[in-house]
C-alpha atoms as a PDB file:
ATOM      1  CA  MET A   1     300.377 196.477 177.253  1.00  0.00           C
ATOM      2  CA  VAL A   2     302.243 199.765 177.448  1.00  0.00           C
ATOM      3  CA  SER A   3     299.934 202.734 177.296  1.00  0.00           C
ATOM      4  CA  ILE A   4     301.211 205.880 175.599  1.00  0.00           C
ATOM      5  CA  VAL A   5     299.220 209.209 175.422  1.00  0.00           C
ATOM      6  CA  VAL A   6     300.353 212.111 173.294  1.00  0.00           C
ATOM      7  CA  TYR A   7     298.949 215.507 174.193  1.00  0.00           C
ATOM      8  CA  ILE A   8     298.638 217.911 171.274  1.00  0.00           C
ATOM      9  CA  THR A   9     297.140 221.076 170.052  1.00  0.00           C
ATOM     10  CA  GLU A  10     295.673 221.918 166.704  1.00  0.00           C
ATOM     11  CA  LYS A  11     298.074 223.437 164.126  1.00  0.00           C
ATOM     12  CA  CYS A  12     301.212 222.158 165.780  1.00  0.00           C
ATOM     13  CA  GLU A  13     303.552 220.713 163.313  1.00  0.00           C
ATOM     14  CA  ALA A  14     305.754 219.021 165.864  1.00  0.00           C
ATOM     15  CA  CYS A  15     302.652 217.352 167.261  1.00  0.00           C
ATOM     16  CA  LYS A  16     301.862 215.847 163.847  1.00  0.00           C
ATOM     17  CA  ARG A  17     305.374 214.528 163.553  1.00  0.00           C
ATOM     18  CA  VAL A  18     305.254 212.919 167.057  1.00  0.00           C
ATOM     19  CA  VAL A  19     301.939 211.420 166.432  1.00  0.00           C
ATOM     20  CA  THR A  20     303.267 209.755 163.190  1.00  0.00           C
ATOM     21  CA  GLN A  21     306.308 208.655 165.122  1.00  0.00           C
ATOM     22  CA  VAL A  22     304.323 207.089 167.977  1.00  0.00           C
ATOM     23  CA  ASP A  23     301.984 205.348 165.455  1.00  0.00           C
ATOM     24  CA  SER A  24     304.888 203.882 163.692  1.00  0.00           C
ATOM     25  CA  ILE A  25     306.557 202.664 166.856  1.00  0.00           C
ATOM     26  CA  SER A  26     303.294 201.134 168.040  1.00  0.00           C
ATOM     27  CA  LYS A  27     302.799 199.298 164.826  1.00  0.00           C
ATOM     28  CA  LYS A  28     306.224 197.594 165.263  1.00  0.00           C
ATOM     29  CA  ASN A  29     305.559 196.838 168.985  1.00  0.00           C
ATOM     30  CA  LYS A  30     302.248 195.077 169.518  1.00  0.00           C
ATOM     31  CA  ASN A  31     302.471 195.590 173.216  1.00  0.00           C
ATOM     32  CA  PHE A  32     301.944 199.291 172.826  1.00  0.00           C
ATOM     33  CA  SER A  33     298.653 201.140 172.634  1.00  0.00           C
ATOM     34  CA  TYR A  34     298.433 204.898 172.304  1.00  0.00           C
ATOM     35  CA  LYS A  35     295.884 207.590 172.132  1.00  0.00           C
ATOM     36  CA  ILE A  36     295.966 211.210 171.250  1.00  0.00           C
ATOM     37  CA  ASP A  37     294.412 213.876 173.399  1.00  0.00           C
ATOM     38  CA  ASN A  38     294.025 217.497 172.595  1.00  0.00           C
ATOM     39  CA  ILE A  39     294.954 219.534 175.701  1.00  0.00           C
ATOM     40  CA  LYS A  40     291.929 221.858 175.246  1.00  0.00           C
ATOM     41  CA  ASP A  41     289.727 218.797 175.843  1.00  0.00           C
ATOM     42  CA  SER A  42     291.831 217.184 178.550  1.00  0.00           C
ATOM     43  CA  ASN A  43     291.863 217.496 182.380  1.00  0.00           C
ATOM     44  CA  LYS A  44     295.643 216.898 182.262  1.00  0.00           C
ATOM     45  CA  LYS A  45     297.673 220.062 183.233  1.00  0.00           C
ATOM     46  CA  VAL A  46     300.066 220.209 180.169  1.00  0.00           C
ATOM     47  CA  VAL A  47     301.419 223.486 179.070  1.00  0.00           C
ATOM     48  CA  VAL A  48     303.943 222.337 176.376  1.00  0.00           C
ATOM     49  CA  VAL A  49     303.083 220.196 173.491  1.00  0.00           C
ATOM     50  CA  PRO A  50     303.540 217.725 172.236  1.00  0.00           C
ATOM     51  CA  ALA A  51     303.864 215.899 175.516  1.00  0.00           C
ATOM     52  CA  VAL A  52     304.334 212.219 175.610  1.00  0.00           C
ATOM     53  CA  PHE A  53     303.295 210.145 178.624  1.00  0.00           C
ATOM     54  CA  VAL A  54     304.049 206.437 179.207  1.00  0.00           C
ATOM     55  CA  GLU A  55     301.801 204.669 181.781  1.00  0.00           C
ATOM     56  CA  ASN A  56     300.865 208.192 183.135  1.00  0.00           C
ATOM     57  CA  GLU A  57     304.433 209.245 183.587  1.00  0.00           C
ATOM     58  CA  LEU A  58     306.048 212.126 181.537  1.00  0.00           C
ATOM     59  CA  PHE A  59     308.491 210.734 178.996  1.00  0.00           C
ATOM     60  CA  CYS A  60     309.148 214.042 177.072  1.00  0.00           C
ATOM     61  CA  TYR A  61     307.996 217.298 175.705  1.00  0.00           C
ATOM     62  CA  GLY A  62     308.613 217.795 172.059  1.00  0.00           C
ATOM     63  CA  GLU A  63     310.227 215.441 169.572  1.00  0.00           C
ATOM     64  CA  PHE A  64     312.282 212.423 170.543  1.00  0.00           C
ATOM     65  CA  GLU A  65     314.464 209.617 169.079  1.00  0.00           C
ATOM     66  CA  ASN A  66     312.729 206.148 168.860  1.00  0.00           C
ATOM     67  CA  LYS A  67     315.490 204.478 170.795  1.00  0.00           C
ATOM     68  CA  SER A  68     314.925 206.987 173.730  1.00  0.00           C
ATOM     69  CA  LEU A  69     311.275 205.979 174.097  1.00  0.00           C
ATOM     70  CA  LEU A  70     312.249 202.349 173.966  1.00  0.00           C
ATOM     71  CA  LYS A  71     314.967 202.813 176.572  1.00  0.00           C
ATOM     72  CA  PHE A  72     312.523 204.659 178.784  1.00  0.00           C
ATOM     73  CA  ILE A  73     309.969 201.982 178.611  1.00  0.00           C
ATOM     74  CA  THR A  74     312.543 199.262 179.267  1.00  0.00           C
ATOM     75  CA  LYS A  75     313.932 201.053 182.308  1.00  0.00           C
ATOM     76  CA  LYS A  76     310.397 201.069 183.632  1.00  0.00           C
ATOM     77  CA  ASP A  77     310.298 197.327 183.444  1.00  0.00           C
ATOM     78  CA  HIS A  78     307.478 197.330 180.763  1.00  0.00           C
ATOM     79  CA  LYS A  79     307.509 194.373 178.342  1.00  0.00           C
ATOM     80  CA  ILE A  80     308.165 195.341 174.693  1.00  0.00           C
ATOM     81  CA  ASN A  81     308.662 193.245 171.646  1.00  0.00           C
END
């Protein structure tokens, strides 16, 4: 299972788009699980949102293309469907 965490803040339009995007990707790839964390409630030191972490490793800040996430995960030898 590939774990994805999206760090967000309230009233962040880009955050909303990234959450929707990650949700869509995870529905197509059953080996993905994700959670959303608000940075004000997190111990993680994140200063830019949205921030997307895959298996506790920073993938990106901001918006991204789906194929970039899949390529990142594949490079890290995580199994995807």
